[in-house]
Amino acid sequence: MIKTLLFDFGDVFLNLDKPATLKQLKALGLNDFSEEMLATNKAYEVGKLSTEEFLKFYQEHFPKHDSSALIQAWNAILIDFPQHRLEFLQRLQKEGKYQLILLSNTNDLHIKWVKENIKSFTEFKNCFDAFYLSHEINFRKPDPAIYKFVAEKHDLKPNETLFIDDTKENTEAAKKLGFHTWNIDPATQDVVDLFSYNAHLF
């Protein structure tokens, strides 16, 4: 019987659209990512560069543009958070049947933009008992350490926990610790279908 639901941030709130990000950067003058840019992006993703260092690197490549233009380009976000999804999460929270925990490795550029620009963010965040940004606790998915950290902090029993994500390597990392997992496809599935897709667990 499932008692805890672990959600991945992007799959219940938004999708970061990489082609749209590239399109926005091209509008600033970028033709394609160089090897140096790819290495910088990866370093930022895994927390080896601060947001300030990351922006400074791109400002050197785009000297005619200020940091706000770069931030806007890096936040080419497709909002995928319809009202029925918020209502679903609010109903789960109100029922109190499950402990709801949110995990995210969304970087500082994205999370700050989301907090400042998306009105429903506070309502959304209030649906969860705990909300962890993995870089804030020095872990990056798919490192299973983040799941172990959350499991120990909340005294979770893996066989009573379901982790929902769209990235197979992440669900595989959680599965190694004994968690139940649902590898959702955001293009064809909605998190509100959780119970119909996982009826055998509830």
Protein backbone atom coordinates (compact mmCIF):
# COMPACT_ATOMS: atom_id res chain seq x y z
CA MET A 1 0.00 0.00 0.00
CA ILE A 2 1.43 3.37 -1.04
CA LYS A 3 1.71 5.99 1.72
CA THR A 4 4.12 8.52 0.13
CA LEU A 5 4.10 10.08 -3.34
CA LEU A 6 7.35 11.60 -4.61
CA PHE A 7 6.80 13.89 -7.59
CA ASP A 8 9.34 15.32 -10.01
CA PHE A 9 8.88 19.09 -10.31
CA GLY A 10 8.83 19.36 -14.08
CA ASP A 11 6.33 16.58 -14.63
CA VAL A 12 3.67 18.17 -12.45
CA PHE A 13 4.33 21.84 -13.04
CA LEU A 14 6.18 22.80 -16.22
CA ASN A 15 8.35 21.59 -19.05
CA LEU A 16 11.63 23.28 -19.86
CA ASP A 17 11.64 23.36 -23.64
CA LYS A 18 15.20 22.94 -24.96
CA PRO A 19 14.41 23.72 -28.64
CA ALA A 20 12.66 26.92 -27.52
CA THR A 21 15.70 27.84 -25.41
CA LEU A 22 17.99 27.37 -28.40
CA LYS A 23 15.63 29.45 -30.56
CA GLN A 24 15.73 32.27 -28.00
CA LEU A 25 19.53 32.14 -27.81
CA LYS A 26 19.77 32.19 -31.60
CA ALA A 27 17.73 35.41 -31.49
CA LEU A 28 20.58 36.83 -29.40
CA GLY A 29 23.12 35.74 -32.02
CA LEU A 30 23.95 32.12 -31.17
CA ASN A 31 24.17 29.75 -34.14
CA ASP A 32 24.80 26.58 -32.15
CA PHE A 33 26.32 25.47 -28.86
CA SER A 34 30.10 25.22 -28.91
CA GLU A 35 31.92 22.50 -26.98
CA GLU A 36 32.86 25.14 -24.41
CA MET A 37 29.21 26.13 -23.99
CA LEU A 38 28.10 22.52 -23.63
CA ALA A 39 30.75 21.97 -20.94
CA THR A 40 29.64 25.16 -19.15
CA ASN A 41 25.98 24.13 -19.31
CA LYS A 42 26.83 20.75 -17.81
CA ALA A 43 28.95 22.32 -15.06
CA TYR A 44 26.05 24.60 -14.14
CA GLU A 45 23.56 21.74 -14.25
CA VAL A 46 25.56 19.69 -11.74
CA GLY A 47 26.20 22.65 -9.44
CA LYS A 48 29.88 23.27 -10.24
CA LEU A 49 29.14 26.83 -11.38
CA SER A 50 27.07 29.46 -9.60
CA THR A 51 24.29 31.29 -11.45
CA GLU A 52 26.48 34.41 -11.44
CA GLU A 53 29.39 32.51 -13.04
CA PHE A 54 27.08 30.95 -15.60
CA LEU A 55 25.63 34.31 -16.62
CA LYS A 56 29.07 35.93 -16.73
CA PHE A 57 30.22 33.23 -19.18
CA TYR A 58 27.30 33.96 -21.53
CA GLN A 59 27.63 37.73 -21.16
CA GLU A 60 31.16 37.39 -22.52
CA HIS A 61 29.69 35.65 -25.57
CA PHE A 62 26.80 38.13 -25.88
CA PRO A 63 28.32 41.46 -24.75
CA LYS A 64 25.49 43.51 -26.28
CA HIS A 65 22.88 41.89 -24.04
CA ASP A 66 22.35 42.33 -20.32
CA SER A 67 21.71 39.49 -17.88
CA SER A 68 17.93 39.98 -18.00
CA ALA A 69 17.88 39.17 -21.74
CA LEU A 70 20.00 36.07 -21.11
CA ILE A 71 17.76 34.96 -18.26
CA GLN A 72 14.70 35.37 -20.46
CA ALA A 73 16.37 33.29 -23.18
CA TRP A 74 17.23 30.53 -20.73
CA ASN A 75 13.65 30.53 -19.46
CA ALA A 76 11.98 29.54 -22.69
CA ILE A 77 9.41 27.64 -20.67
CA LEU A 78 6.29 25.86 -21.84
CA ILE A 79 3.80 26.19 -19.00
CA ASP A 80 1.98 22.91 -18.61
CA PHE A 81 0.02 23.47 -15.44
CA PRO A 82 -3.73 23.43 -16.13
CA GLN A 83 -6.23 24.20 -13.39
CA HIS A 84 -7.41 20.57 -13.17
CA ARG A 85 -3.88 19.52 -12.18
CA LEU A 86 -3.73 22.05 -9.35
CA GLU A 87 -7.17 20.90 -8.18
CA PHE A 88 -5.97 17.28 -8.25
CA LEU A 89 -2.95 18.07 -6.08
CA GLN A 90 -5.03 20.18 -3.71
CA ARG A 91 -7.53 17.34 -3.30
CA LEU A 92 -4.72 14.89 -2.52
CA GLN A 93 -3.31 17.29 0.06
CA LYS A 94 -6.72 17.90 1.66
CA GLU A 95 -7.54 14.19 1.87
CA GLY A 96 -4.34 13.64 3.83
CA LYS A 97 -4.11 10.02 2.77
CA TYR A 98 -0.60 10.36 1.31
CA GLN A 99 2.53 12.24 2.26
CA LEU A 100 3.33 14.42 -0.78
CA ILE A 101 6.95 15.31 -1.49
CA LEU A 102 8.35 17.26 -4.43
CA LEU A 103 11.88 16.80 -5.79
CA SER A 104 13.56 19.00 -8.37
CA ASN A 105 16.93 19.58 -9.92
CA THR A 106 15.61 22.67 -11.68
CA ASN A 107 18.44 25.19 -11.65
CA ASP A 108 18.41 28.63 -10.01
CA LEU A 109 17.76 30.51 -13.25
CA HIS A 110 14.58 28.53 -13.84
CA ILE A 111 13.26 28.30 -10.29
CA LYS A 112 13.74 32.03 -9.64
CA TRP A 113 11.95 32.87 -12.88
CA VAL A 114 9.09 30.51 -12.00
CA LYS A 115 8.68 32.01 -8.50
CA GLU A 116 8.60 35.55 -9.84
CA ASN A 117 6.45 35.04 -12.94
CA ILE A 118 3.97 32.26 -12.32
CA LYS A 119 1.12 33.27 -10.02
CA SER A 120 0.03 29.74 -9.17
CA PHE A 121 3.47 28.75 -7.86
CA THR A 122 2.62 29.40 -4.20
CA GLU A 123 -0.66 27.47 -4.45
CA PHE A 124 1.21 24.68 -6.15
CA LYS A 125 3.98 24.56 -3.54
CA ASN A 126 1.43 24.54 -0.72
CA CYS A 127 0.12 21.19 -1.97
CA PHE A 128 3.27 19.44 -0.74
CA ASP A 129 4.49 18.43 2.70
CA ALA A 130 8.09 19.00 1.59
CA PHE A 131 9.81 20.55 -1.45
CA TYR A 132 13.49 19.81 -2.16
CA LEU A 133 15.68 21.43 -4.78
CA SER A 134 18.38 18.82 -5.22
CA HIS A 135 21.18 21.33 -5.82
CA GLU A 136 20.36 22.98 -2.49
CA ILE A 137 21.15 19.75 -0.65
CA ASN A 138 24.19 19.11 -2.86
CA PHE A 139 22.73 16.16 -4.72
CA ARG A 140 21.97 15.83 -8.40
CA LYS A 141 19.68 13.29 -9.95
CA PRO A 142 20.05 10.50 -10.96
CA ASP A 143 22.40 10.12 -8.01
CA PRO A 144 20.39 7.81 -5.70
CA ALA A 145 21.72 9.78 -2.73
CA ILE A 146 18.87 12.29 -3.06
CA TYR A 147 16.29 9.53 -2.69
CA LYS A 148 18.18 8.08 0.25
CA PHE A 149 18.37 11.53 1.85
CA VAL A 150 14.60 12.07 1.53
CA ALA A 151 13.81 8.52 2.65
CA GLU A 152 15.89 8.89 5.81
CA LYS A 153 14.67 12.41 6.60
CA HIS A 154 11.01 11.39 6.38
CA ASP A 155 11.45 7.82 7.61
CA LEU A 156 10.02 6.48 4.36
CA LYS A 157 9.57 2.81 3.68
CA PRO A 158 10.60 2.25 0.05
CA ASN A 159 7.90 -0.36 -0.56
CA GLU A 160 5.29 2.22 0.54
CA THR A 161 6.68 5.00 -1.68
CA LEU A 162 5.93 5.80 -5.33
CA PHE A 163 8.25 8.08 -7.35
CA ILE A 164 6.86 9.77 -10.48
CA ASP A 165 9.25 11.10 -13.15
CA ASP A 166 9.62 11.19 -16.93
CA THR A 167 13.32 10.32 -17.00
CA LYS A 168 14.12 6.64 -17.02
CA GLU A 169 17.55 7.02 -15.40
CA ASN A 170 15.93 8.84 -12.47
CA THR A 171 13.26 6.21 -11.92
CA GLU A 172 15.92 3.50 -12.22
CA ALA A 173 17.98 5.20 -9.50
CA ALA A 174 14.94 5.33 -7.21
CA LYS A 175 14.05 1.74 -8.05
CA LYS A 176 17.46 0.54 -6.85
CA LEU A 177 16.52 1.70 -3.36
CA GLY A 178 13.29 -0.29 -3.50
CA PHE A 179 10.89 2.52 -4.42
CA HIS A 180 7.91 1.87 -6.65
CA THR A 181 8.19 4.08 -9.75
CA TRP A 182 6.02 5.44 -12.54
CA ASN A 183 7.96 6.55 -15.62
CA ILE A 184 5.35 8.97 -16.96
CA ASP A 185 5.32 10.24 -20.55
CA PRO A 186 4.26 13.93 -20.32
CA ALA A 187 3.28 13.92 -23.99
CA THR A 188 0.63 11.23 -23.54
CA GLN A 189 -0.04 11.02 -19.80
CA ASP A 190 -1.11 13.44 -17.09
CA VAL A 191 -0.21 13.13 -13.43
CA VAL A 192 -3.95 13.13 -12.66
CA ASP A 193 -4.06 9.66 -14.24
CA LEU A 194 -1.83 8.41 -11.42
CA PHE A 195 -4.38 6.07 -9.87
CA SER A 196 -5.70 4.60 -13.11
CA TYR A 197 -2.16 3.83 -14.32
CA ASN A 198 -1.08 2.48 -10.92
CA ALA A 199 -4.31 0.93 -9.64
CA HIS A 200 -2.46 -2.16 -8.49
CA LEU A 201 -0.50 -0.10 -5.95
CA PHE A 202 -3.40 1.73 -4.27
